[in-house]
Amino acid sequence: MWKEVEPFYPDQTAGLPKTSESRGTESILNALILAWNDAPSGKLSPDARLALDNMWALQFKSGEMSGSWAWLQFHNAPWEGDSQYYGTVLAAIAIGSAPGRRCRGGSCR
């Protein structure tokens, strides 16, 4: 239901750029949880595959944040310092935890 459900923090109620930050954070956490859940079985479920695909689709392809994802920022330094790096590490863990997948160049098979 990724395309039907609104982000947890939409721009309309939380201000710009919360939709992008929320979706980036949600995509990483969804992929991480589902990949971890599938790891013991050694087989990636369709839900986990879709979550990883959604996560890859939101990865920045250019600019200063190329290779990372938007991550929620609420200006709570020092606890949120460089949060996008934390999110990118979680994305890497999700990718590495996904059973039976080969990931290269922003796509997994």
C-alpha atoms as a PDB file:
ATOM      1  CA  MET A   1       0.000   0.000   0.000  1.00  0.00           C
ATOM      2  CA  TRP A   2       3.061   2.240  -0.350  1.00  0.00           C
ATOM      3  CA  LYS A   3       1.445   4.416  -3.022  1.00  0.00           C
ATOM      4  CA  GLU A   4      -1.963   4.618  -1.331  1.00  0.00           C
ATOM      5  CA  VAL A   5      -0.871   5.533   2.195  1.00  0.00           C
ATOM      6  CA  GLU A   6       0.216   9.063   3.067  1.00  0.00           C
ATOM      7  CA  PRO A   7       3.629   9.616   4.686  1.00  0.00           C
ATOM      8  CA  PHE A   8       3.595   9.817   8.480  1.00  0.00           C
ATOM      9  CA  TYR A   9       4.814  13.451   8.323  1.00  0.00           C
ATOM     10  CA  PRO A  10       3.310  15.149   5.244  1.00  0.00           C
ATOM     11  CA  ASP A  11       4.374  18.614   4.100  1.00  0.00           C
ATOM     12  CA  GLN A  12       0.840  19.920   4.619  1.00  0.00           C
ATOM     13  CA  THR A  13       0.962  19.464   8.399  1.00  0.00           C
ATOM     14  CA  ALA A  14       4.691  19.288   9.199  1.00  0.00           C
ATOM     15  CA  GLY A  15       6.124  21.768   6.647  1.00  0.00           C
ATOM     16  CA  LEU A  16       8.601  21.357   3.815  1.00  0.00           C
ATOM     17  CA  PRO A  17      10.434  18.992   3.191  1.00  0.00           C
ATOM     18  CA  LYS A  18       8.805  16.557   5.626  1.00  0.00           C
ATOM     19  CA  THR A  19       7.107  14.378   2.972  1.00  0.00           C
ATOM     20  CA  SER A  20      10.477  13.602   1.364  1.00  0.00           C
ATOM     21  CA  GLU A  21      12.183  13.060   4.717  1.00  0.00           C
ATOM     22  CA  SER A  22       9.338  10.911   5.993  1.00  0.00           C
ATOM     23  CA  ARG A  23       9.236   8.747   2.877  1.00  0.00           C
ATOM     24  CA  GLY A  24      12.993   8.247   2.898  1.00  0.00           C
ATOM     25  CA  THR A  25      12.951   7.231   6.560  1.00  0.00           C
ATOM     26  CA  GLU A  26       9.896   5.001   6.146  1.00  0.00           C
ATOM     27  CA  SER A  27      11.351   3.247   3.093  1.00  0.00           C
ATOM     28  CA  ILE A  28      14.579   2.397   4.900  1.00  0.00           C
ATOM     29  CA  LEU A  29      12.889   1.183   8.073  1.00  0.00           C
ATOM     30  CA  ASN A  30      10.381  -0.916   6.108  1.00  0.00           C
ATOM     31  CA  ALA A  31      13.151  -2.548   4.064  1.00  0.00           C
ATOM     32  CA  LEU A  32      15.294  -3.145   7.133  1.00  0.00           C
ATOM     33  CA  ILE A  33      12.538  -4.755   9.196  1.00  0.00           C
ATOM     34  CA  LEU A  34      11.289  -6.963   6.365  1.00  0.00           C
ATOM     35  CA  ALA A  35      14.792  -8.046   5.271  1.00  0.00           C
ATOM     36  CA  TRP A  36      15.681  -8.948   8.868  1.00  0.00           C
ATOM     37  CA  ASN A  37      12.434 -10.846   9.192  1.00  0.00           C
ATOM     38  CA  ASP A  38      13.248 -12.888   6.083  1.00  0.00           C
ATOM     39  CA  ALA A  39      16.929 -13.502   6.874  1.00  0.00           C
ATOM     40  CA  PRO A  40      16.425 -16.704   8.932  1.00  0.00           C
ATOM     41  CA  SER A  41      14.411 -18.323   6.140  1.00  0.00           C
ATOM     42  CA  GLY A  42      17.054 -17.573   3.506  1.00  0.00           C
ATOM     43  CA  LYS A  43      14.339 -16.424   1.094  1.00  0.00           C
ATOM     44  CA  LEU A  44      13.245 -12.881   0.382  1.00  0.00           C
ATOM     45  CA  SER A  45       9.475 -12.378   0.591  1.00  0.00           C
ATOM     46  CA  PRO A  46       7.574 -10.371  -2.030  1.00  0.00           C
ATOM     47  CA  ASP A  47       6.865  -7.702   0.619  1.00  0.00           C
ATOM     48  CA  ALA A  48      10.564  -7.345   1.431  1.00  0.00           C
ATOM     49  CA  ARG A  49      11.436  -7.212  -2.281  1.00  0.00           C
ATOM     50  CA  LEU A  50       8.896  -4.426  -2.791  1.00  0.00           C
ATOM     51  CA  ALA A  51      10.175  -2.544   0.274  1.00  0.00           C
ATOM     52  CA  LEU A  52      13.745  -2.703  -1.035  1.00  0.00           C
ATOM     53  CA  ASP A  53      12.603  -1.541  -4.472  1.00  0.00           C
ATOM     54  CA  ASN A  54      10.745   1.387  -2.881  1.00  0.00           C
ATOM     55  CA  MET A  55      13.855   2.253  -0.872  1.00  0.00           C
ATOM     56  CA  TRP A  56      16.111   2.165  -3.953  1.00  0.00           C
ATOM     57  CA  ALA A  57      13.697   4.414  -5.842  1.00  0.00           C
ATOM     58  CA  LEU A  58      14.145   7.139  -3.213  1.00  0.00           C
ATOM     59  CA  GLN A  59      17.945   7.113  -3.141  1.00  0.00           C
ATOM     60  CA  PHE A  60      19.497  10.430  -4.205  1.00  0.00           C
ATOM     61  CA  LYS A  61      21.217   9.968  -7.562  1.00  0.00           C
ATOM     62  CA  SER A  62      23.088  13.287  -7.763  1.00  0.00           C
ATOM     63  CA  GLY A  63      24.162  16.279  -5.771  1.00  0.00           C
ATOM     64  CA  GLU A  64      25.688  16.594  -2.327  1.00  0.00           C
ATOM     65  CA  MET A  65      23.602  13.744  -0.904  1.00  0.00           C
ATOM     66  CA  SER A  66      24.155  11.343  -3.812  1.00  0.00           C
ATOM     67  CA  GLY A  67      23.994   7.741  -2.630  1.00  0.00           C
ATOM     68  CA  SER A  68      22.025   8.554   0.504  1.00  0.00           C
ATOM     69  CA  TRP A  69      18.362   8.974   1.396  1.00  0.00           C
ATOM     70  CA  ALA A  70      16.338  11.789   2.928  1.00  0.00           C
ATOM     71  CA  TRP A  71      15.977  11.258   6.676  1.00  0.00           C
ATOM     72  CA  LEU A  72      13.687  12.989   9.151  1.00  0.00           C
ATOM     73  CA  GLN A  73      15.176  16.128  10.664  1.00  0.00           C
ATOM     74  CA  PHE A  74      13.517  17.964  13.537  1.00  0.00           C
ATOM     75  CA  HIS A  75      16.495  20.197  14.436  1.00  0.00           C
ATOM     76  CA  ASN A  76      17.205  18.424  17.710  1.00  0.00           C
ATOM     77  CA  ALA A  77      20.992  18.705  17.733  1.00  0.00           C
ATOM     78  CA  PRO A  78      23.100  16.945  18.827  1.00  0.00           C
ATOM     79  CA  TRP A  79      20.809  13.890  18.701  1.00  0.00           C
ATOM     80  CA  GLU A  80      20.009  14.358  15.030  1.00  0.00           C
ATOM     81  CA  GLY A  81      23.403  15.461  13.837  1.00  0.00           C
ATOM     82  CA  ASP A  82      24.040  14.000  10.381  1.00  0.00           C
ATOM     83  CA  SER A  83      20.905  11.844  10.547  1.00  0.00           C
ATOM     84  CA  GLN A  84      20.992  11.086   6.828  1.00  0.00           C
ATOM     85  CA  TYR A  85      24.226   9.157   7.400  1.00  0.00           C
ATOM     86  CA  TYR A  86      22.531   7.068  10.074  1.00  0.00           C
ATOM     87  CA  GLY A  87      19.684   6.342   7.647  1.00  0.00           C
ATOM     88  CA  THR A  88      22.130   5.395   4.912  1.00  0.00           C
ATOM     89  CA  VAL A  89      23.877   2.964   7.256  1.00  0.00           C
ATOM     90  CA  LEU A  90      20.505   1.382   8.070  1.00  0.00           C
ATOM     91  CA  ALA A  91      19.828   1.091   4.326  1.00  0.00           C
ATOM     92  CA  ALA A  92      23.167  -0.682   3.879  1.00  0.00           C
ATOM     93  CA  ILE A  93      22.257  -3.090   6.695  1.00  0.00           C
ATOM     94  CA  ALA A  94      18.898  -3.779   5.025  1.00  0.00           C
ATOM     95  CA  ILE A  95      20.626  -4.517   1.722  1.00  0.00           C
ATOM     96  CA  GLY A  96      23.227  -6.716   3.374  1.00  0.00           C
ATOM     97  CA  SER A  97      20.597  -8.572   5.407  1.00  0.00           C
ATOM     98  CA  ALA A  98      18.369  -9.345   2.437  1.00  0.00           C
ATOM     99  CA  PRO A  99      18.652 -13.066   1.730  1.00  0.00           C
ATOM    100  CA  GLY A 100      19.380 -14.289  -1.772  1.00  0.00           C
ATOM    101  CA  ARG A 101      19.701 -10.905  -3.443  1.00  0.00           C
ATOM    102  CA  ARG A 102      22.466  -9.334  -5.428  1.00  0.00           C
ATOM    103  CA  CYS A 103      22.466  -5.558  -5.288  1.00  0.00           C
ATOM    104  CA  ARG A 104      24.469  -3.400  -7.653  1.00  0.00           C
ATOM    105  CA  GLY A 105      24.044   0.134  -8.884  1.00  0.00           C
ATOM    106  CA  GLY A 106      20.763   0.835  -7.157  1.00  0.00           C
ATOM    107  CA  SER A 107      18.936  -2.331  -8.143  1.00  0.00           C
ATOM    108  CA  CYS A 108      18.518  -5.747  -6.588  1.00  0.00           C
ATOM    109  CA  ARG A 109      17.652  -9.027  -8.260  1.00  0.00           C
END
